C-alpha atoms as a PDB file:
ATOM      1  CA  MET A   1      -0.035   0.126   0.058  1.00  0.00           C
ATOM      2  CA  PHE A   2       2.955   2.478   0.751  1.00  0.00           C
ATOM      3  CA  GLU A   3       4.243   1.794  -2.593  1.00  0.00           C
ATOM      4  CA  GLU A   4       1.212   2.547  -4.199  1.00  0.00           C
ATOM      5  CA  ILE A   5       0.572   5.750  -2.533  1.00  0.00           C
ATOM      6  CA  GLN A   6       3.888   6.699  -3.476  1.00  0.00           C
ATOM      7  CA  GLN A   7       3.385   5.776  -7.146  1.00  0.00           C
ATOM      8  CA  ARG A   8      -0.149   7.097  -6.997  1.00  0.00           C
ATOM      9  CA  TYR A   9       0.550  10.465  -5.559  1.00  0.00           C
ATOM     10  CA  ASN A  10       4.135  10.901  -6.722  1.00  0.00           C
ATOM     11  CA  ILE A  11       5.155  11.944  -3.585  1.00  0.00           C
ATOM     12  CA  PRO A  12       8.180  10.410  -1.253  1.00  0.00           C
ATOM     13  CA  LEU A  13       7.384   8.661   2.087  1.00  0.00           C
ATOM     14  CA  ARG A  14      10.652   8.845   3.499  1.00  0.00           C
ATOM     15  CA  ASP A  15      10.488   9.672   7.099  1.00  0.00           C
ATOM     16  CA  VAL A  16       6.556  10.213   7.138  1.00  0.00           C
ATOM     17  CA  PRO A  17       5.330   8.500  10.310  1.00  0.00           C
ATOM     18  CA  ALA A  18       3.797   5.091  10.132  1.00  0.00           C
ATOM     19  CA  ILE A  19       2.079   3.552  12.948  1.00  0.00           C
ATOM     20  CA  GLY A  20       1.247   0.048  13.253  1.00  0.00           C
ATOM     21  CA  ASP A  21       1.067  -2.894  15.423  1.00  0.00           C
ATOM     22  CA  SER A  22       2.473  -5.853  13.333  1.00  0.00           C
ATOM     23  CA  LEU A  23       5.643  -6.652  12.320  1.00  0.00           C
ATOM     24  CA  ARG A  24       4.427  -6.488   8.802  1.00  0.00           C
ATOM     25  CA  ASP A  25       3.234  -3.022   9.211  1.00  0.00           C
ATOM     26  CA  LEU A  26       6.989  -1.924  10.297  1.00  0.00           C
ATOM     27  CA  THR A  27       8.423  -3.786   7.728  1.00  0.00           C
ATOM     28  CA  ALA A  28       6.205  -2.202   5.035  1.00  0.00           C
ATOM     29  CA  ALA A  29       7.075   1.306   6.425  1.00  0.00           C
ATOM     30  CA  ALA A  30      10.656   0.609   6.637  1.00  0.00           C
ATOM     31  CA  ARG A  31      10.718  -0.526   2.897  1.00  0.00           C
ATOM     32  CA  VAL A  32       9.593   2.371   1.368  1.00  0.00           C
ATOM     33  CA  GLY A  33      11.662   4.874   3.952  1.00  0.00           C
ATOM     34  CA  ALA A  34       8.921   5.915   6.334  1.00  0.00           C
ATOM     35  CA  GLN A  35       9.092   6.158  10.048  1.00  0.00           C
ATOM     36  CA  PRO A  36       8.266   2.794  11.394  1.00  0.00           C
ATOM     37  CA  MET A  37       6.128   3.685  14.995  1.00  0.00           C
ATOM     38  CA  LEU A  38       4.995   0.641  16.959  1.00  0.00           C
ATOM     39  CA  VAL A  39       2.149   0.984  19.428  1.00  0.00           C
ATOM     40  CA  LEU A  40       1.995  -1.547  21.922  1.00  0.00           C
ATOM     41  CA  THR A  41      -1.898  -1.929  22.037  1.00  0.00           C
ATOM     42  CA  GLY A  42      -3.162  -4.719  19.749  1.00  0.00           C
ATOM     43  CA  LYS A  43      -0.568  -7.054  18.556  1.00  0.00           C
ATOM     44  CA  GLY A  44       1.848  -4.438  19.396  1.00  0.00           C
ATOM     45  CA  GLN A  45       3.234  -6.003  22.873  1.00  0.00           C
ATOM     46  CA  LYS A  46       3.645  -9.122  21.141  1.00  0.00           C
ATOM     47  CA  THR A  47       5.249  -7.730  18.030  1.00  0.00           C
ATOM     48  CA  ARG A  48       7.720  -6.282  20.289  1.00  0.00           C
ATOM     49  CA  ASP A  49       8.229  -9.078  22.477  1.00  0.00           C
ATOM     50  CA  ALA A  50       9.230 -11.423  19.187  1.00  0.00           C
ATOM     51  CA  GLY A  51      11.640  -9.058  18.019  1.00  0.00           C
ATOM     52  CA  GLY A  52      13.257  -8.489  14.596  1.00  0.00           C
ATOM     53  CA  LEU A  53      11.869  -4.785  14.412  1.00  0.00           C
ATOM     54  CA  PRO A  54      13.207  -2.722  11.659  1.00  0.00           C
ATOM     55  CA  ALA A  55      16.265  -0.541  12.536  1.00  0.00           C
ATOM     56  CA  GLY A  56      14.739   2.873  13.920  1.00  0.00           C
ATOM     57  CA  THR A  57      11.253   1.628  14.968  1.00  0.00           C
ATOM     58  CA  GLN A  58      10.111   3.868  17.468  1.00  0.00           C
ATOM     59  CA  VAL A  59       7.785   2.310  20.372  1.00  0.00           C
ATOM     60  CA  PHE A  60       4.727   3.991  21.912  1.00  0.00           C
ATOM     61  CA  SER A  61       2.479   2.647  24.811  1.00  0.00           C
ATOM     62  CA  ASP A  62      -0.708   3.748  22.554  1.00  0.00           C
ATOM     63  CA  LEU A  63      -1.885   5.641  19.883  1.00  0.00           C
ATOM     64  CA  SER A  64      -2.557   8.734  21.626  1.00  0.00           C
ATOM     65  CA  GLU A  65       1.080   9.003  22.675  1.00  0.00           C
ATOM     66  CA  ALA A  66       2.582   8.506  19.063  1.00  0.00           C
ATOM     67  CA  VAL A  67       0.007  11.070  17.880  1.00  0.00           C
ATOM     68  CA  ARG A  68       1.436  13.423  20.760  1.00  0.00           C
ATOM     69  CA  ALA A  69       5.074  12.575  19.410  1.00  0.00           C
ATOM     70  CA  ILE A  70       4.531  13.392  16.007  1.00  0.00           C
ATOM     71  CA  ILE A  71       2.515  16.666  16.618  1.00  0.00           C
ATOM     72  CA  GLY A  72       5.417  17.613  19.414  1.00  0.00           C
ATOM     73  CA  GLY A  73       8.015  17.038  16.934  1.00  0.00           C
ATOM     74  CA  THR A  74       9.373  14.469  19.254  1.00  0.00           C
ATOM     75  CA  ALA A  75       9.050  11.585  16.618  1.00  0.00           C
END
C-alpha cells in the first residue's frame, strides 16, 4: 500500500510516520523509507516481544502517545 501511495501521488514517504502494531506494518513502512512506529496496543506487545523490528522503530504505549510525539515533533 505504501508503494501505491508513492506512485499514485508521486510523493516520497521518506521519514513519514507510519504507525502499526504488527511486524508486517513496520517492515512495509521501513521498506519505503517511512518512520516505523510501533504501538503496544492490539498485537503490538507480542510484536515487540518477538523481536526483529526494523532499525529505528519507535515504540509507544498507545496511539495517543504516538500522535503526541508526532505533533510535538519528538518522533
